[in-house]
Each structure stands twice: as C-alpha cells, then as structure tokens.
C-alpha cells in the first residue's frame, strides 16, 4: 500500500485520524487543506471569500491533481470530491478511504461551518450539502468505514482492519 487517502464530510475526523493512522503505519501525514493554505498564503475561508466557491474548488482540484506523495496518509478537504481530475489522481496515488458518519452525528460535531472553511453555496444547508456529497464519496472510495457511535481509537482500528482486508484481495 503506497498511500492512504481519507475523504469524507468536514468534522468526520480525517485530519485527527490521519495523524494516528500515519503513526500506526509508519507513514508520513499530509493534509491537503494545509497544503492549499501554505501554497496560497491564506486560510481556507479567506480563499473562499476571495475566489468564490468555484474558484476555491479549482484551487483544491489543482493542488490534489498535482500532489506527489509516497508512503503517506493524506487527509483531504471535504469538497475534494467535486473535482474529478483531483480525485482521479488521488485514486491513482493509493487507497481512498471514505470515513462515513450519519447526518445527525455529523451535525452535532460541527460548529460554525464558515469558520471551518466549509464550501456552502448561498441558501445551502448542511443537510443539503450532506445529501449532495455522500454519493460522491461512495463513488470515489475504495473502502468505506463507518465512524458512527465510536471514539477515534475504535475508528482507527476499523480503518486498519479494512486496509488489511483490502491488501489481501
């Protein structure tokens, strides 16, 4: 397994789990949101305000399509699934793991969406965003891991088991 790419809704734990997963597997950790912020010299919410949603998505897609990584766990932004070229590249880089969380649990976890740099179109609710993205996550994932009703350690164990199972195929 060369790379593990984590996708899923904001607040599902991609970055937190990614660090623990990288440590468990002896891999490097990479967060595409941080790569974008570093490259652009601005916070995600500032980039969305400056470039608009479509402009931000183009930046995210470009960064992900150009990502070069080996032996890494890569946590992506929740909106990465809107850019087919970026996702095609990520799928070539490694195993894409969708961290799935039910809507109710997710809505309890999330605070102010704008401060998180979440891509929400005018008038769009979290529920609408969730319903729009879930089919995309399911389409791009090699593996889906349900994160509901458990702590981060149990989620980590589930992801490790799923990756081991995938490797045996």
N, C-alpha and C. Protein backbone atom coordinates (compact mmCIF):
# COMPACT_ATOMS: atom_id res chain seq x y z
N UNK A 1 0.85 -1.17 0.00
CA UNK A 1 0.00 0.00 0.00
C UNK A 1 0.89 1.23 0.00
N UNK A 2 0.79 2.02 -1.06
CA UNK A 2 1.65 3.19 -1.18
C UNK A 2 1.13 4.35 -0.35
N UNK A 3 -0.10 4.79 -0.59
CA UNK A 3 -0.71 5.90 0.14
C UNK A 3 -2.12 5.53 0.58
N UNK A 4 -2.58 6.21 1.62
CA UNK A 4 -3.96 6.08 2.07
C UNK A 4 -4.54 7.49 2.02
N UNK A 5 -5.66 7.64 1.31
CA UNK A 5 -6.29 8.95 1.14
C UNK A 5 -7.63 8.92 1.86
N UNK A 6 -7.81 9.86 2.79
CA UNK A 6 -9.03 9.93 3.58
C UNK A 6 -9.97 10.99 2.99
N UNK A 7 -11.21 10.59 2.73
CA UNK A 7 -12.23 11.53 2.25
C UNK A 7 -13.43 11.44 3.18
N UNK A 8 -14.24 12.47 3.18
CA UNK A 8 -15.46 12.48 3.99
C UNK A 8 -15.85 13.90 4.34
N UNK A 9 -16.97 14.02 4.99
CA UNK A 9 -17.52 15.32 5.37
C UNK A 9 -16.59 16.04 6.36
N UNK A 10 -16.66 17.37 6.38
CA UNK A 10 -15.94 18.13 7.40
C UNK A 10 -16.39 17.66 8.78
N UNK A 11 -15.46 17.57 9.70
CA UNK A 11 -15.79 17.20 11.07
C UNK A 11 -15.85 15.71 11.33
N UNK A 12 -15.64 14.89 10.31
CA UNK A 12 -15.70 13.44 10.49
C UNK A 12 -14.42 12.91 11.16
N UNK A 13 -13.34 13.69 11.10
CA UNK A 13 -12.10 13.29 11.77
C UNK A 13 -10.97 12.90 10.83
N UNK A 14 -11.01 13.36 9.59
CA UNK A 14 -9.97 12.97 8.62
C UNK A 14 -8.58 13.37 9.08
N UNK A 15 -8.41 14.59 9.55
CA UNK A 15 -7.09 15.06 9.96
C UNK A 15 -6.63 14.39 11.26
N UNK A 16 -7.52 14.31 12.23
CA UNK A 16 -7.17 13.68 13.51
C UNK A 16 -6.83 12.22 13.30
N UNK A 17 -7.70 11.51 12.60
CA UNK A 17 -7.47 10.10 12.34
C UNK A 17 -6.23 9.91 11.46
N UNK A 18 -6.05 10.83 10.50
CA UNK A 18 -4.91 10.72 9.59
C UNK A 18 -3.58 10.70 10.32
N UNK A 19 -3.43 11.55 11.32
CA UNK A 19 -2.18 11.58 12.10
C UNK A 19 -1.98 10.25 12.81
N UNK A 20 -3.02 9.75 13.46
CA UNK A 20 -2.92 8.47 14.19
C UNK A 20 -2.66 7.31 13.24
N UNK A 21 -3.31 7.32 12.09
CA UNK A 21 -3.13 6.27 11.10
C UNK A 21 -1.69 6.28 10.56
N UNK A 22 -1.18 7.47 10.29
CA UNK A 22 0.20 7.59 9.80
C UNK A 22 1.19 7.04 10.83
N UNK A 23 0.96 7.36 12.08
CA UNK A 23 1.84 6.84 13.14
C UNK A 23 1.76 5.32 13.22
N UNK A 24 0.55 4.79 13.14
CA UNK A 24 0.34 3.34 13.23
C UNK A 24 0.97 2.58 12.08
N UNK A 25 0.98 3.20 10.90
CA UNK A 25 1.51 2.54 9.71
C UNK A 25 2.95 2.92 9.39
N UNK A 26 3.52 3.83 10.18
CA UNK A 26 4.89 4.29 9.91
C UNK A 26 4.98 5.10 8.64
N UNK A 27 3.94 5.90 8.40
CA UNK A 27 3.87 6.69 7.18
C UNK A 27 3.94 8.18 7.51
N UNK A 28 4.08 9.00 6.48
CA UNK A 28 4.06 10.46 6.61
C UNK A 28 2.60 10.91 6.58
N UNK A 29 2.30 12.03 7.22
CA UNK A 29 0.95 12.59 7.19
C UNK A 29 0.95 13.87 6.37
N UNK A 30 -0.08 14.01 5.53
CA UNK A 30 -0.23 15.19 4.68
C UNK A 30 -1.68 15.62 4.70
N UNK A 31 -1.93 16.90 4.95
CA UNK A 31 -3.29 17.45 4.96
C UNK A 31 -3.41 18.41 3.79
N UNK A 32 -4.28 18.10 2.83
CA UNK A 32 -4.36 18.94 1.63
C UNK A 32 -4.87 20.35 1.94
N UNK A 33 -5.70 20.50 2.98
CA UNK A 33 -6.13 21.85 3.36
C UNK A 33 -4.93 22.70 3.75
N UNK A 34 -3.98 22.11 4.47
CA UNK A 34 -2.77 22.85 4.87
C UNK A 34 -1.87 23.13 3.67
N UNK A 35 -1.81 22.18 2.74
CA UNK A 35 -1.03 22.39 1.52
C UNK A 35 -1.61 23.58 0.75
N UNK A 36 -2.94 23.63 0.64
CA UNK A 36 -3.60 24.74 -0.06
C UNK A 36 -3.31 26.06 0.64
N UNK A 37 -3.49 26.10 1.96
CA UNK A 37 -3.26 27.33 2.72
C UNK A 37 -1.81 27.80 2.58
N UNK A 38 -0.89 26.87 2.63
CA UNK A 38 0.53 27.20 2.50
C UNK A 38 0.84 27.74 1.11
N UNK A 39 0.34 27.07 0.09
CA UNK A 39 0.58 27.49 -1.29
C UNK A 39 -0.03 28.86 -1.59
N UNK A 40 -1.24 29.08 -1.09
CA UNK A 40 -1.98 30.31 -1.40
C UNK A 40 -1.72 31.44 -0.40
N UNK A 41 -1.12 31.12 0.74
CA UNK A 41 -0.83 32.14 1.75
C UNK A 41 -2.06 32.73 2.40
N UNK A 42 -3.10 31.93 2.55
CA UNK A 42 -4.35 32.41 3.16
C UNK A 42 -5.11 31.22 3.75
N UNK A 43 -5.99 31.52 4.71
CA UNK A 43 -6.85 30.50 5.29
C UNK A 43 -7.91 30.08 4.28
N UNK A 44 -8.45 28.89 4.46
CA UNK A 44 -9.47 28.38 3.53
C UNK A 44 -10.64 29.35 3.41
N UNK A 45 -11.16 29.82 4.54
CA UNK A 45 -12.32 30.73 4.50
C UNK A 45 -11.98 32.02 3.76
N UNK A 46 -10.72 32.47 3.87
CA UNK A 46 -10.29 33.68 3.13
C UNK A 46 -10.23 33.39 1.63
N UNK A 47 -9.77 32.20 1.28
CA UNK A 47 -9.70 31.82 -0.13
C UNK A 47 -11.09 31.71 -0.75
N UNK A 48 -12.04 31.15 0.02
CA UNK A 48 -13.41 31.05 -0.47
C UNK A 48 -13.99 32.45 -0.66
N UNK A 49 -13.74 33.35 0.30
CA UNK A 49 -14.24 34.73 0.20
C UNK A 49 -13.61 35.46 -0.99
N UNK A 50 -12.31 35.23 -1.21
CA UNK A 50 -11.57 35.93 -2.27
C UNK A 50 -11.89 35.40 -3.66
N UNK A 51 -11.96 34.07 -3.81
CA UNK A 51 -12.09 33.46 -5.13
C UNK A 51 -13.49 32.94 -5.43
N UNK A 52 -14.36 32.94 -4.43
CA UNK A 52 -15.68 32.33 -4.60
C UNK A 52 -15.55 30.82 -4.50
N UNK A 53 -16.69 30.18 -4.41
CA UNK A 53 -16.69 28.72 -4.24
C UNK A 53 -16.06 28.02 -5.43
N UNK A 54 -16.44 28.39 -6.64
CA UNK A 54 -15.90 27.71 -7.82
C UNK A 54 -14.40 27.94 -7.95
N UNK A 55 -13.95 29.15 -7.62
CA UNK A 55 -12.51 29.43 -7.66
C UNK A 55 -11.75 28.62 -6.64
N UNK A 56 -12.32 28.50 -5.45
CA UNK A 56 -11.68 27.68 -4.42
C UNK A 56 -11.62 26.21 -4.84
N UNK A 57 -12.73 25.70 -5.37
CA UNK A 57 -12.76 24.30 -5.82
C UNK A 57 -11.71 24.05 -6.90
N UNK A 58 -11.51 25.01 -7.78
CA UNK A 58 -10.49 24.88 -8.82
C UNK A 58 -9.10 24.80 -8.20
N UNK A 59 -8.84 25.63 -7.19
CA UNK A 59 -7.55 25.59 -6.49
C UNK A 59 -7.36 24.22 -5.82
N UNK A 60 -8.40 23.77 -5.13
CA UNK A 60 -8.32 22.48 -4.44
C UNK A 60 -8.09 21.35 -5.43
N UNK A 61 -8.81 21.37 -6.54
CA UNK A 61 -8.64 20.33 -7.56
C UNK A 61 -7.25 20.34 -8.16
N UNK A 62 -6.73 21.54 -8.41
CA UNK A 62 -5.39 21.68 -8.97
C UNK A 62 -4.32 21.15 -8.00
N UNK A 63 -4.46 21.49 -6.74
CA UNK A 63 -3.50 21.02 -5.73
C UNK A 63 -3.54 19.50 -5.64
N UNK A 64 -4.74 18.93 -5.57
CA UNK A 64 -4.87 17.48 -5.44
C UNK A 64 -4.42 16.74 -6.70
N UNK A 65 -4.69 17.31 -7.87
CA UNK A 65 -4.27 16.69 -9.13
C UNK A 65 -2.75 16.71 -9.28
N UNK A 66 -2.09 17.66 -8.62
CA UNK A 66 -0.64 17.76 -8.72
C UNK A 66 0.11 17.19 -7.54
N UNK A 67 -0.60 16.57 -6.62
CA UNK A 67 0.02 16.04 -5.40
C UNK A 67 0.97 14.90 -5.73
N UNK A 68 2.15 14.97 -5.18
CA UNK A 68 3.12 13.88 -5.30
C UNK A 68 3.42 13.41 -3.88
N UNK A 69 3.09 12.17 -3.60
CA UNK A 69 3.31 11.64 -2.26
C UNK A 69 3.59 10.15 -2.34
N UNK A 70 4.41 9.70 -1.43
CA UNK A 70 4.70 8.27 -1.33
C UNK A 70 4.69 7.88 0.13
N UNK A 71 4.13 6.73 0.40
CA UNK A 71 4.08 6.18 1.76
C UNK A 71 3.51 7.20 2.73
N UNK A 72 2.35 7.78 2.35
CA UNK A 72 1.72 8.84 3.13
C UNK A 72 0.25 8.57 3.38
N UNK A 73 -0.23 9.12 4.50
CA UNK A 73 -1.66 9.20 4.76
C UNK A 73 -2.03 10.63 4.41
N UNK A 74 -3.01 10.78 3.53
CA UNK A 74 -3.40 12.09 3.03
C UNK A 74 -4.84 12.38 3.45
N UNK A 75 -5.00 13.42 4.26
CA UNK A 75 -6.34 13.88 4.64
C UNK A 75 -6.73 14.98 3.67
N UNK A 76 -7.90 14.86 3.08
CA UNK A 76 -8.35 15.83 2.09
C UNK A 76 -9.42 16.74 2.68
N UNK A 77 -9.68 17.83 1.99
CA UNK A 77 -10.81 18.68 2.34
C UNK A 77 -12.09 17.98 1.93
N UNK A 78 -13.18 18.27 2.61
CA UNK A 78 -14.44 17.60 2.31
C UNK A 78 -14.97 17.84 0.92
N UNK A 79 -14.56 18.95 0.30
CA UNK A 79 -15.08 19.31 -1.02
C UNK A 79 -14.25 18.74 -2.17
N UNK A 80 -13.21 17.99 -1.88
CA UNK A 80 -12.32 17.47 -2.92
C UNK A 80 -13.07 16.64 -3.96
N UNK A 81 -14.17 16.02 -3.57
CA UNK A 81 -14.92 15.14 -4.47
C UNK A 81 -15.63 15.87 -5.60
N UNK A 82 -15.63 17.19 -5.56
CA UNK A 82 -16.25 17.96 -6.65
C UNK A 82 -15.31 18.10 -7.85
N UNK A 83 -14.07 17.76 -7.71
CA UNK A 83 -13.09 17.94 -8.79
C UNK A 83 -12.62 16.58 -9.31
N UNK A 84 -13.22 16.11 -10.41
CA UNK A 84 -12.91 14.77 -10.93
C UNK A 84 -11.43 14.53 -11.23
N UNK A 85 -10.72 15.53 -11.74
CA UNK A 85 -9.30 15.32 -12.05
C UNK A 85 -8.49 15.09 -10.78
N UNK A 86 -8.78 15.88 -9.77
CA UNK A 86 -8.10 15.71 -8.49
C UNK A 86 -8.39 14.35 -7.89
N UNK A 87 -9.64 13.93 -7.94
CA UNK A 87 -10.00 12.62 -7.38
C UNK A 87 -9.41 11.48 -8.20
N UNK A 88 -9.38 11.61 -9.50
CA UNK A 88 -8.77 10.56 -10.34
C UNK A 88 -7.30 10.39 -9.96
N UNK A 89 -6.61 11.51 -9.75
CA UNK A 89 -5.20 11.44 -9.36
C UNK A 89 -5.05 10.81 -7.98
N UNK A 90 -5.89 11.20 -7.03
CA UNK A 90 -5.80 10.64 -5.68
C UNK A 90 -6.06 9.13 -5.70
N UNK A 91 -7.01 8.69 -6.52
CA UNK A 91 -7.29 7.25 -6.62
C UNK A 91 -6.09 6.49 -7.19
N UNK A 92 -5.32 7.15 -8.05
CA UNK A 92 -4.12 6.52 -8.59
C UNK A 92 -2.99 6.48 -7.56
N UNK A 93 -2.99 7.47 -6.67
CA UNK A 93 -1.94 7.55 -5.65
C UNK A 93 -2.05 6.48 -4.57
N UNK A 94 -3.25 5.97 -4.35
CA UNK A 94 -3.39 4.99 -3.28
C UNK A 94 -4.82 4.58 -3.03
N UNK A 95 -5.05 4.05 -1.85
CA UNK A 95 -6.36 3.56 -1.44
C UNK A 95 -7.17 4.70 -0.84
N UNK A 96 -8.33 4.97 -1.42
CA UNK A 96 -9.20 6.04 -0.94
C UNK A 96 -10.18 5.45 0.07
N UNK A 97 -10.15 6.00 1.29
CA UNK A 97 -10.99 5.54 2.38
C UNK A 97 -12.01 6.63 2.71
N UNK A 98 -13.28 6.30 2.57
CA UNK A 98 -14.37 7.22 2.91
C UNK A 98 -14.73 7.00 4.38
N UNK A 99 -14.53 8.03 5.19
CA UNK A 99 -14.92 7.99 6.59
C UNK A 99 -16.36 8.47 6.67
N UNK A 100 -17.25 7.54 6.88
CA UNK A 100 -18.69 7.80 6.82
C UNK A 100 -19.24 8.07 8.22
N UNK A 101 -20.07 9.09 8.31
CA UNK A 101 -20.73 9.42 9.55
C UNK A 101 -22.15 9.86 9.22
N UNK A 102 -23.12 9.37 9.98
CA UNK A 102 -24.52 9.73 9.76
C UNK A 102 -24.74 11.22 9.95
N UNK A 103 -25.80 11.71 9.34
CA UNK A 103 -26.08 13.15 9.37
C UNK A 103 -26.25 13.68 10.79
N UNK A 104 -27.02 13.01 11.61
CA UNK A 104 -27.27 13.51 12.97
C UNK A 104 -25.98 13.65 13.76
N UNK A 105 -25.16 12.63 13.73
CA UNK A 105 -23.88 12.67 14.46
C UNK A 105 -22.99 13.78 13.91
N UNK A 106 -22.98 13.92 12.61
CA UNK A 106 -22.16 14.96 11.98
C UNK A 106 -22.62 16.36 12.39
N UNK A 107 -23.93 16.59 12.35
CA UNK A 107 -24.44 17.92 12.69
C UNK A 107 -24.15 18.27 14.15
N UNK A 108 -24.10 17.27 15.02
CA UNK A 108 -23.74 17.52 16.43
C UNK A 108 -22.27 17.90 16.56
N UNK A 109 -21.40 17.32 15.74
CA UNK A 109 -19.96 17.57 15.82
C UNK A 109 -19.53 18.94 15.31
N UNK A 110 -20.24 19.42 14.28
CA UNK A 110 -19.80 20.63 13.60
C UNK A 110 -20.23 21.90 14.33
N UNK A 111 -19.34 22.87 14.36
CA UNK A 111 -19.66 24.18 14.92
C UNK A 111 -20.01 25.13 13.79
N UNK A 112 -19.34 26.27 13.75
CA UNK A 112 -19.56 27.28 12.72
C UNK A 112 -18.92 26.82 11.42
N UNK A 113 -19.75 26.52 10.43
CA UNK A 113 -19.25 25.99 9.16
C UNK A 113 -18.38 26.99 8.41
N UNK A 114 -18.71 28.25 8.46
CA UNK A 114 -17.93 29.27 7.74
C UNK A 114 -16.51 29.36 8.30
N UNK A 115 -16.37 29.29 9.62
CA UNK A 115 -15.03 29.36 10.23
C UNK A 115 -14.18 28.14 9.89
N UNK A 116 -14.83 27.03 9.57
CA UNK A 116 -14.09 25.81 9.21
C UNK A 116 -13.63 25.85 7.76
N UNK A 117 -14.11 26.82 6.99
CA UNK A 117 -13.76 26.86 5.57
C UNK A 117 -14.57 25.86 4.77
N UNK A 118 -15.79 25.59 5.21
CA UNK A 118 -16.66 24.64 4.51
C UNK A 118 -17.28 25.32 3.30
N UNK A 119 -17.28 24.62 2.18
CA UNK A 119 -17.83 25.15 0.94
C UNK A 119 -19.34 24.97 0.94
N UNK A 120 -20.05 26.05 1.29
CA UNK A 120 -21.51 26.07 1.29
C UNK A 120 -21.99 27.14 0.33
N UNK A 121 -22.82 26.77 -0.60
CA UNK A 121 -23.38 27.76 -1.53
C UNK A 121 -24.49 28.54 -0.83
N UNK A 122 -24.77 29.77 -1.29
CA UNK A 122 -25.84 30.56 -0.66
C UNK A 122 -27.16 29.77 -0.60
N UNK A 123 -27.76 29.74 0.58
CA UNK A 123 -29.02 29.03 0.77
C UNK A 123 -28.87 27.54 1.01
N UNK A 124 -27.67 27.02 0.90
CA UNK A 124 -27.45 25.59 1.08
C UNK A 124 -27.32 25.28 2.57
N UNK A 125 -28.03 24.27 3.03
CA UNK A 125 -27.96 23.84 4.42
C UNK A 125 -26.95 22.69 4.54
N UNK A 126 -26.58 22.39 5.76
CA UNK A 126 -25.70 21.25 5.99
C UNK A 126 -26.34 19.97 5.47
N UNK A 127 -27.64 19.82 5.66
CA UNK A 127 -28.34 18.63 5.19
C UNK A 127 -28.24 18.50 3.67
N UNK A 128 -28.43 19.61 2.97
CA UNK A 128 -28.34 19.61 1.51
C UNK A 128 -26.92 19.24 1.07
N UNK A 129 -25.94 19.81 1.76
CA UNK A 129 -24.53 19.52 1.45
C UNK A 129 -24.24 18.04 1.66
N UNK A 130 -24.70 17.51 2.77
CA UNK A 130 -24.50 16.10 3.11
C UNK A 130 -25.11 15.20 2.03
N UNK A 131 -26.36 15.48 1.68
CA UNK A 131 -27.05 14.66 0.67
C UNK A 131 -26.39 14.75 -0.69
N UNK A 132 -25.78 15.88 -1.00
CA UNK A 132 -25.09 16.07 -2.28
C UNK A 132 -23.76 15.32 -2.31
N UNK A 133 -23.05 15.34 -1.20
CA UNK A 133 -21.69 14.77 -1.18
C UNK A 133 -21.62 13.27 -0.96
N UNK A 134 -22.50 12.72 -0.15
CA UNK A 134 -22.42 11.29 0.18
C UNK A 134 -22.30 10.40 -1.06
N UNK A 135 -23.13 10.59 -2.10
CA UNK A 135 -22.98 9.74 -3.29
C UNK A 135 -21.61 9.90 -3.96
N UNK A 136 -21.03 11.09 -3.90
CA UNK A 136 -19.70 11.31 -4.48
C UNK A 136 -18.64 10.57 -3.68
N UNK A 137 -18.71 10.66 -2.36
CA UNK A 137 -17.75 9.92 -1.52
C UNK A 137 -17.85 8.42 -1.81
N UNK A 138 -19.07 7.93 -1.90
CA UNK A 138 -19.27 6.50 -2.15
C UNK A 138 -18.74 6.09 -3.52
N UNK A 139 -18.85 6.97 -4.50
CA UNK A 139 -18.37 6.68 -5.85
C UNK A 139 -16.85 6.57 -5.89
N UNK A 140 -16.17 7.47 -5.21
CA UNK A 140 -14.71 7.53 -5.30
C UNK A 140 -13.98 6.59 -4.34
N UNK A 141 -14.64 6.12 -3.30
CA UNK A 141 -13.98 5.32 -2.27
C UNK A 141 -13.66 3.91 -2.73
N UNK A 142 -12.48 3.46 -2.36
CA UNK A 142 -12.14 2.04 -2.49
C UNK A 142 -12.70 1.29 -1.28
N UNK A 143 -12.70 1.97 -0.12
CA UNK A 143 -13.14 1.40 1.15
C UNK A 143 -14.02 2.43 1.85
N UNK A 144 -15.10 1.96 2.48
CA UNK A 144 -15.93 2.83 3.32
C UNK A 144 -15.87 2.31 4.74
N UNK A 145 -15.59 3.22 5.68
CA UNK A 145 -15.54 2.85 7.10
C UNK A 145 -16.53 3.72 7.85
N UNK A 146 -17.48 3.08 8.53
CA UNK A 146 -18.47 3.80 9.32
C UNK A 146 -17.84 4.23 10.63
N UNK A 147 -17.90 5.54 10.91
CA UNK A 147 -17.28 6.11 12.10
C UNK A 147 -18.30 6.41 13.20
N UNK A 148 -19.53 6.02 13.00
CA UNK A 148 -20.59 6.36 13.93
C UNK A 148 -20.51 5.58 15.24
N UNK A 149 -20.86 6.27 16.31
CA UNK A 149 -21.01 5.64 17.61
C UNK A 149 -19.74 5.10 18.25
N UNK A 150 -18.59 5.68 17.91
CA UNK A 150 -17.34 5.19 18.49
C UNK A 150 -16.33 6.30 18.62
N UNK A 151 -15.31 6.06 19.43
CA UNK A 151 -14.26 7.06 19.59
C UNK A 151 -13.20 6.88 18.50
N UNK A 152 -12.24 7.77 18.51
CA UNK A 152 -11.21 7.78 17.45
C UNK A 152 -10.36 6.50 17.43
N UNK A 153 -10.11 5.92 18.60
CA UNK A 153 -9.31 4.69 18.66
C UNK A 153 -10.04 3.52 17.98
N UNK A 154 -11.35 3.44 18.20
CA UNK A 154 -12.12 2.37 17.55
C UNK A 154 -12.20 2.60 16.03
N UNK A 155 -12.33 3.86 15.64
CA UNK A 155 -12.34 4.18 14.21
C UNK A 155 -11.00 3.81 13.59
N UNK A 156 -9.91 4.13 14.27
CA UNK A 156 -8.58 3.77 13.79
C UNK A 156 -8.47 2.26 13.60
N UNK A 157 -8.93 1.49 14.57
CA UNK A 157 -8.87 0.03 14.47
C UNK A 157 -9.69 -0.46 13.27
N UNK A 158 -10.85 0.15 13.05
CA UNK A 158 -11.69 -0.24 11.90
C UNK A 158 -10.99 0.05 10.57
N UNK A 159 -10.37 1.22 10.48
CA UNK A 159 -9.66 1.59 9.25
C UNK A 159 -8.49 0.64 9.02
N UNK A 160 -7.73 0.35 10.05
CA UNK A 160 -6.59 -0.57 9.91
C UNK A 160 -7.06 -1.95 9.44
N UNK A 161 -8.15 -2.45 10.01
CA UNK A 161 -8.69 -3.76 9.59
C UNK A 161 -9.14 -3.71 8.13
N UNK A 162 -9.82 -2.64 7.75
CA UNK A 162 -10.31 -2.51 6.37
C UNK A 162 -9.15 -2.45 5.39
N UNK A 163 -8.10 -1.73 5.74
CA UNK A 163 -6.92 -1.64 4.87
C UNK A 163 -6.23 -2.99 4.74
N UNK A 164 -6.15 -3.72 5.83
CA UNK A 164 -5.53 -5.05 5.81
C UNK A 164 -6.34 -6.00 4.93
N UNK A 165 -7.64 -5.94 5.05
CA UNK A 165 -8.53 -6.76 4.23
C UNK A 165 -8.36 -6.43 2.75
N UNK A 166 -8.28 -5.12 2.44
CA UNK A 166 -8.11 -4.66 1.06
C UNK A 166 -6.79 -5.17 0.48
N UNK A 167 -5.76 -5.16 1.31
CA UNK A 167 -4.43 -5.59 0.87
C UNK A 167 -4.42 -7.09 0.53
N UNK A 168 -5.23 -7.85 1.20
CA UNK A 168 -5.28 -9.30 0.99
C UNK A 168 -6.03 -9.70 -0.27
N UNK A 169 -6.75 -8.75 -0.87
CA UNK A 169 -7.52 -9.05 -2.09
C UNK A 169 -6.63 -9.19 -3.29
